[in-house]
Amino acid sequence: MVILYNIRSTYNVGAILRSCECLGVKDIILTGYTPYLDKGLPHEQEKLKKQIHKTALGAEEMVNYERIDDVNEAIVKLKEQGYQILALEQGEHSLNLADSPKFEGKLALILGEEVHGIPTEILDRCDCLLEIPMLGKKESFNVSVATGIALWELTKPSLSGTRKHLRTQS
């Protein structure tokens, strides 16, 4: 499960949907002002669909998404369903994804707003923070790139031996 909190860019939303689909994440919750496919009037919906499709390339039709405006409501709902809530955010006690932390059970990963990340009051409700270590001078990846990295690490144990889409020589 992935929760998108205040992701502003439709292109980031599309790229995240595509990464989710590729790595077997079937359910996404859209919160805050994250754009979604059935928002607004028909002409507004068409514009959003085109923008999201540009990077999702059809994945937007292969994953389930739900709109829950209040991220706190989404967290409560998922915790009641037995999910561990993880946040992809740098913090004093965040786990380094390079160390391949192991988790069991149902996981929900929260991804935050492109510039400011996830607010402290939301992080305080999470069970764990995950951090992608950085080697350069920049402090973070683009949210869609960070999503791909984090989901890859979280799903890596189930990917062993999987090679469904090999390209063949003609």
C-alpha atoms as a PDB file:
ATOM      1  CA  MET A   1       0.000   0.000   0.000  1.00  0.00           C
ATOM      2  CA  VAL A   2       1.256   3.492  -0.839  1.00  0.00           C
ATOM      3  CA  ILE A   3      -0.109   6.779   0.483  1.00  0.00           C
ATOM      4  CA  LEU A   4       0.553   9.932  -1.533  1.00  0.00           C
ATOM      5  CA  TYR A   5       0.390  13.012   0.685  1.00  0.00           C
ATOM      6  CA  ASN A   6       0.268  16.431  -1.005  1.00  0.00           C
ATOM      7  CA  ILE A   7       2.116  15.350  -4.138  1.00  0.00           C
ATOM      8  CA  ARG A   8       1.616  18.395  -6.349  1.00  0.00           C
ATOM      9  CA  SER A   9       2.825  17.209  -9.762  1.00  0.00           C
ATOM     10  CA  THR A  10       0.580  15.030 -11.925  1.00  0.00           C
ATOM     11  CA  TYR A  11       3.753  13.741 -13.580  1.00  0.00           C
ATOM     12  CA  ASN A  12       5.100  12.572 -10.229  1.00  0.00           C
ATOM     13  CA  VAL A  13       1.752  10.932  -9.455  1.00  0.00           C
ATOM     14  CA  GLY A  14       1.852   9.104 -12.805  1.00  0.00           C
ATOM     15  CA  ALA A  15       5.442   7.967 -12.333  1.00  0.00           C
ATOM     16  CA  ILE A  16       4.639   6.721  -8.827  1.00  0.00           C
ATOM     17  CA  LEU A  17       1.600   4.791 -10.096  1.00  0.00           C
ATOM     18  CA  ARG A  18       3.827   3.167 -12.722  1.00  0.00           C
ATOM     19  CA  SER A  19       6.485   2.198 -10.158  1.00  0.00           C
ATOM     20  CA  CYS A  20       3.772   0.823  -7.875  1.00  0.00           C
ATOM     21  CA  GLU A  21       2.307  -1.314 -10.646  1.00  0.00           C
ATOM     22  CA  CYS A  22       5.745  -2.586 -11.726  1.00  0.00           C
ATOM     23  CA  LEU A  23       6.607  -3.639  -8.181  1.00  0.00           C
ATOM     24  CA  GLY A  24       3.265  -5.238  -7.332  1.00  0.00           C
ATOM     25  CA  VAL A  25       1.706  -2.505  -5.207  1.00  0.00           C
ATOM     26  CA  LYS A  26      -1.980  -2.807  -5.979  1.00  0.00           C
ATOM     27  CA  ASP A  27      -3.520  -0.126  -3.731  1.00  0.00           C
ATOM     28  CA  ILE A  28      -2.793   3.585  -3.449  1.00  0.00           C
ATOM     29  CA  ILE A  29      -4.412   6.206  -1.245  1.00  0.00           C
ATOM     30  CA  LEU A  30      -4.368   9.808  -2.465  1.00  0.00           C
ATOM     31  CA  THR A  31      -4.493  12.411   0.312  1.00  0.00           C
ATOM     32  CA  GLY A  32      -4.270  16.149   0.768  1.00  0.00           C
ATOM     33  CA  TYR A  33      -4.073  18.083  -2.478  1.00  0.00           C
ATOM     34  CA  THR A  34      -2.623  15.177  -4.493  1.00  0.00           C
ATOM     35  CA  PRO A  35      -4.350  15.275  -7.909  1.00  0.00           C
ATOM     36  CA  TYR A  36      -6.532  12.328  -8.740  1.00  0.00           C
ATOM     37  CA  LEU A  37      -8.195  11.017 -11.863  1.00  0.00           C
ATOM     38  CA  ASP A  38     -11.830  11.735 -11.025  1.00  0.00           C
ATOM     39  CA  LYS A  39     -11.401  15.234  -9.591  1.00  0.00           C
ATOM     40  CA  GLY A  40     -13.408  18.180 -10.899  1.00  0.00           C
ATOM     41  CA  LEU A  41     -15.489  18.799 -13.978  1.00  0.00           C
ATOM     42  CA  PRO A  42     -15.205  16.515 -17.044  1.00  0.00           C
ATOM     43  CA  HIS A  43     -12.767  18.821 -18.876  1.00  0.00           C
ATOM     44  CA  GLU A  44     -10.617  19.058 -15.721  1.00  0.00           C
ATOM     45  CA  GLN A  45     -10.683  15.277 -15.335  1.00  0.00           C
ATOM     46  CA  GLU A  46      -9.588  14.854 -18.943  1.00  0.00           C
ATOM     47  CA  LYS A  47      -6.633  17.206 -18.413  1.00  0.00           C
ATOM     48  CA  LEU A  48      -5.542  15.352 -15.246  1.00  0.00           C
ATOM     49  CA  LYS A  49      -5.911  11.967 -16.960  1.00  0.00           C
ATOM     50  CA  LYS A  50      -3.710  13.085 -19.865  1.00  0.00           C
ATOM     51  CA  GLN A  51      -1.020  14.463 -17.551  1.00  0.00           C
ATOM     52  CA  ILE A  52      -0.988  11.424 -15.276  1.00  0.00           C
ATOM     53  CA  HIS A  53      -1.055   9.042 -18.263  1.00  0.00           C
ATOM     54  CA  LYS A  54       2.026  10.752 -19.735  1.00  0.00           C
ATOM     55  CA  THR A  55       4.220   9.142 -17.071  1.00  0.00           C
ATOM     56  CA  ALA A  56       1.982   6.295 -15.833  1.00  0.00           C
ATOM     57  CA  LEU A  57       1.667   4.862 -19.372  1.00  0.00           C
ATOM     58  CA  GLY A  58      -1.478   2.899 -18.500  1.00  0.00           C
ATOM     59  CA  ALA A  59      -0.514   1.909 -14.956  1.00  0.00           C
ATOM     60  CA  GLU A  60      -3.225   4.305 -13.727  1.00  0.00           C
ATOM     61  CA  GLU A  61      -5.733   1.732 -15.003  1.00  0.00           C
ATOM     62  CA  MET A  62      -3.953  -1.232 -13.410  1.00  0.00           C
ATOM     63  CA  VAL A  63      -3.819  -0.118  -9.773  1.00  0.00           C
ATOM     64  CA  ASN A  64      -6.604   0.660  -7.338  1.00  0.00           C
ATOM     65  CA  TYR A  65      -6.707   4.105  -5.886  1.00  0.00           C
ATOM     66  CA  GLU A  66      -8.848   5.622  -3.191  1.00  0.00           C
ATOM     67  CA  ARG A  67      -9.264   9.258  -2.255  1.00  0.00           C
ATOM     68  CA  ILE A  68      -9.107  10.045   1.481  1.00  0.00           C
ATOM     69  CA  ASP A  69      -8.621  13.784   1.897  1.00  0.00           C
ATOM     70  CA  ASP A  70      -7.272  13.616   5.456  1.00  0.00           C
ATOM     71  CA  VAL A  71      -4.022  11.651   5.717  1.00  0.00           C
ATOM     72  CA  ASN A  72      -4.642  11.121   9.449  1.00  0.00           C
ATOM     73  CA  GLU A  73      -7.919   9.388   8.637  1.00  0.00           C
ATOM     74  CA  ALA A  74      -6.069   7.150   6.169  1.00  0.00           C
ATOM     75  CA  ILE A  75      -3.463   6.271   8.812  1.00  0.00           C
ATOM     76  CA  VAL A  76      -6.134   5.362  11.384  1.00  0.00           C
ATOM     77  CA  LYS A  77      -8.013   3.240   8.837  1.00  0.00           C
ATOM     78  CA  LEU A  78      -4.875   1.341   7.812  1.00  0.00           C
ATOM     79  CA  LYS A  79      -3.696   0.780  11.387  1.00  0.00           C
ATOM     80  CA  GLU A  80      -7.124  -0.684  12.181  1.00  0.00           C
ATOM     81  CA  GLN A  81      -6.557  -3.079   9.264  1.00  0.00           C
ATOM     82  CA  GLY A  82      -3.193  -4.175  10.694  1.00  0.00           C
ATOM     83  CA  TYR A  83      -0.847  -2.135   8.512  1.00  0.00           C
ATOM     84  CA  GLN A  84       2.516  -0.868   9.719  1.00  0.00           C
ATOM     85  CA  ILE A  85       2.825   2.760   8.642  1.00  0.00           C
ATOM     86  CA  LEU A  86       6.211   3.659   7.148  1.00  0.00           C
ATOM     87  CA  ALA A  87       7.230   7.126   6.013  1.00  0.00           C
ATOM     88  CA  LEU A  88       9.925   7.859   3.475  1.00  0.00           C
ATOM     89  CA  GLU A  89      11.558  10.768   5.251  1.00  0.00           C
ATOM     90  CA  GLN A  90      14.896  11.739   6.733  1.00  0.00           C
ATOM     91  CA  GLY A  91      14.951  11.912  10.507  1.00  0.00           C
ATOM     92  CA  GLU A  92      17.022  11.339  13.593  1.00  0.00           C
ATOM     93  CA  HIS A  93      15.695   7.785  14.039  1.00  0.00           C
ATOM     94  CA  SER A  94      15.064   6.845  10.410  1.00  0.00           C
ATOM     95  CA  LEU A  95      16.271   3.458   9.176  1.00  0.00           C
ATOM     96  CA  ASN A  96      18.786   3.473   6.347  1.00  0.00           C
ATOM     97  CA  LEU A  97      17.297   1.692   3.321  1.00  0.00           C
ATOM     98  CA  ALA A  98      20.822   0.658   2.261  1.00  0.00           C
ATOM     99  CA  ASP A  99      20.848  -1.601   5.322  1.00  0.00           C
ATOM    100  CA  SER A 100      17.841  -3.482   3.849  1.00  0.00           C
ATOM    101  CA  PRO A 101      15.606  -3.327   6.925  1.00  0.00           C
ATOM    102  CA  LYS A 102      13.265  -6.323   7.160  1.00  0.00           C
ATOM    103  CA  PHE A 103       9.537  -5.983   7.754  1.00  0.00           C
ATOM    104  CA  GLU A 104       6.792  -8.543   8.116  1.00  0.00           C
ATOM    105  CA  GLY A 105       3.089  -8.132   7.624  1.00  0.00           C
ATOM    106  CA  LYS A 106       1.159  -5.472   5.783  1.00  0.00           C
ATOM    107  CA  LEU A 107       3.014  -2.230   5.014  1.00  0.00           C
ATOM    108  CA  ALA A 108       1.809   1.212   3.987  1.00  0.00           C
ATOM    109  CA  LEU A 109       4.444   3.660   2.746  1.00  0.00           C
ATOM    110  CA  ILE A 110       3.708   7.398   2.977  1.00  0.00           C
ATOM    111  CA  LEU A 111       5.360   9.682   0.429  1.00  0.00           C
ATOM    112  CA  GLY A 112       5.286  13.405   1.050  1.00  0.00           C
ATOM    113  CA  GLU A 113       5.136  16.725  -0.697  1.00  0.00           C
ATOM    114  CA  GLU A 114       7.927  17.401  -3.186  1.00  0.00           C
ATOM    115  CA  VAL A 115       9.615  20.345  -1.435  1.00  0.00           C
ATOM    116  CA  HIS A 116       8.735  20.115   2.255  1.00  0.00           C
ATOM    117  CA  GLY A 117       8.274  16.386   2.722  1.00  0.00           C
ATOM    118  CA  ILE A 118       6.046  14.991   5.445  1.00  0.00           C
ATOM    119  CA  PRO A 119       5.106  17.239   8.402  1.00  0.00           C
ATOM    120  CA  THR A 120       6.266  16.217  11.882  1.00  0.00           C
ATOM    121  CA  GLU A 121       2.715  15.706  13.167  1.00  0.00           C
ATOM    122  CA  ILE A 122       2.203  13.012  10.517  1.00  0.00           C
ATOM    123  CA  LEU A 123       5.630  11.452  11.084  1.00  0.00           C
ATOM    124  CA  ASP A 124       4.773  11.116  14.782  1.00  0.00           C
ATOM    125  CA  ARG A 125       1.887   8.808  13.803  1.00  0.00           C
ATOM    126  CA  CYS A 126       4.122   6.505  11.765  1.00  0.00           C
ATOM    127  CA  ASP A 127       5.631   3.266  13.034  1.00  0.00           C
ATOM    128  CA  CYS A 128       8.933   3.778  11.237  1.00  0.00           C
ATOM    129  CA  LEU A 129      10.827   6.291   9.099  1.00  0.00           C
ATOM    130  CA  LEU A 130      12.904   5.107   6.167  1.00  0.00           C
ATOM    131  CA  GLU A 131      15.732   7.118   4.670  1.00  0.00           C
ATOM    132  CA  ILE A 132      17.600   6.801   1.394  1.00  0.00           C
ATOM    133  CA  PRO A 133      21.250   7.680   2.098  1.00  0.00           C
ATOM    134  CA  MET A 134      22.638  10.466  -0.063  1.00  0.00           C
ATOM    135  CA  LEU A 135      26.199  10.817  -1.322  1.00  0.00           C
ATOM    136  CA  GLY A 136      25.934  14.107  -3.220  1.00  0.00           C
ATOM    137  CA  LYS A 137      25.223  17.634  -2.055  1.00  0.00           C
ATOM    138  CA  LYS A 138      21.477  17.426  -2.693  1.00  0.00           C
ATOM    139  CA  GLU A 139      19.433  16.309   0.294  1.00  0.00           C
ATOM    140  CA  SER A 140      16.805  14.306  -1.553  1.00  0.00           C
ATOM    141  CA  PHE A 141      15.696  12.601  -4.760  1.00  0.00           C
ATOM    142  CA  ASN A 142      12.632  13.561  -6.746  1.00  0.00           C
ATOM    143  CA  VAL A 143       9.646  11.950  -4.992  1.00  0.00           C
ATOM    144  CA  SER A 144       8.902   9.595  -7.873  1.00  0.00           C
ATOM    145  CA  VAL A 145      12.534   8.430  -8.028  1.00  0.00           C
ATOM    146  CA  ALA A 146      12.632   8.013  -4.238  1.00  0.00           C
ATOM    147  CA  THR A 147       9.425   5.975  -4.432  1.00  0.00           C
ATOM    148  CA  GLY A 148      10.988   3.588  -6.933  1.00  0.00           C
ATOM    149  CA  ILE A 149      14.084   3.146  -4.790  1.00  0.00           C
ATOM    150  CA  ALA A 150      12.098   2.570  -1.589  1.00  0.00           C
ATOM    151  CA  LEU A 151       9.591   0.187  -3.154  1.00  0.00           C
ATOM    152  CA  TRP A 152      12.415  -1.756  -4.787  1.00  0.00           C
ATOM    153  CA  GLU A 153      14.112  -2.236  -1.424  1.00  0.00           C
ATOM    154  CA  LEU A 154      10.859  -3.148   0.332  1.00  0.00           C
ATOM    155  CA  THR A 155       9.795  -5.670  -2.329  1.00  0.00           C
ATOM    156  CA  LYS A 156      13.265  -7.040  -3.151  1.00  0.00           C
ATOM    157  CA  PRO A 157      12.848 -10.210  -1.035  1.00  0.00           C
ATOM    158  CA  SER A 158       9.824 -11.244  -3.121  1.00  0.00           C
ATOM    159  CA  LEU A 159      11.546 -10.465  -6.441  1.00  0.00           C
ATOM    160  CA  SER A 160      14.215 -13.172  -6.265  1.00  0.00           C
ATOM    161  CA  GLY A 161      14.024 -15.432  -9.307  1.00  0.00           C
ATOM    162  CA  THR A 162      11.410 -13.249 -11.024  1.00  0.00           C
ATOM    163  CA  ARG A 163      12.184 -12.424 -14.657  1.00  0.00           C
ATOM    164  CA  LYS A 164       8.880 -12.033 -16.480  1.00  0.00           C
ATOM    165  CA  HIS A 165       9.783  -9.361 -18.990  1.00  0.00           C
ATOM    166  CA  LEU A 166      13.038 -10.399 -20.610  1.00  0.00           C
ATOM    167  CA  ARG A 167      13.813  -8.792 -23.942  1.00  0.00           C
ATOM    168  CA  THR A 168      14.767 -11.281 -26.593  1.00  0.00           C
ATOM    169  CA  GLN A 169      17.152 -10.840 -29.493  1.00  0.00           C
ATOM    170  CA  SER A 170      15.483 -10.864 -32.929  1.00  0.00           C
END
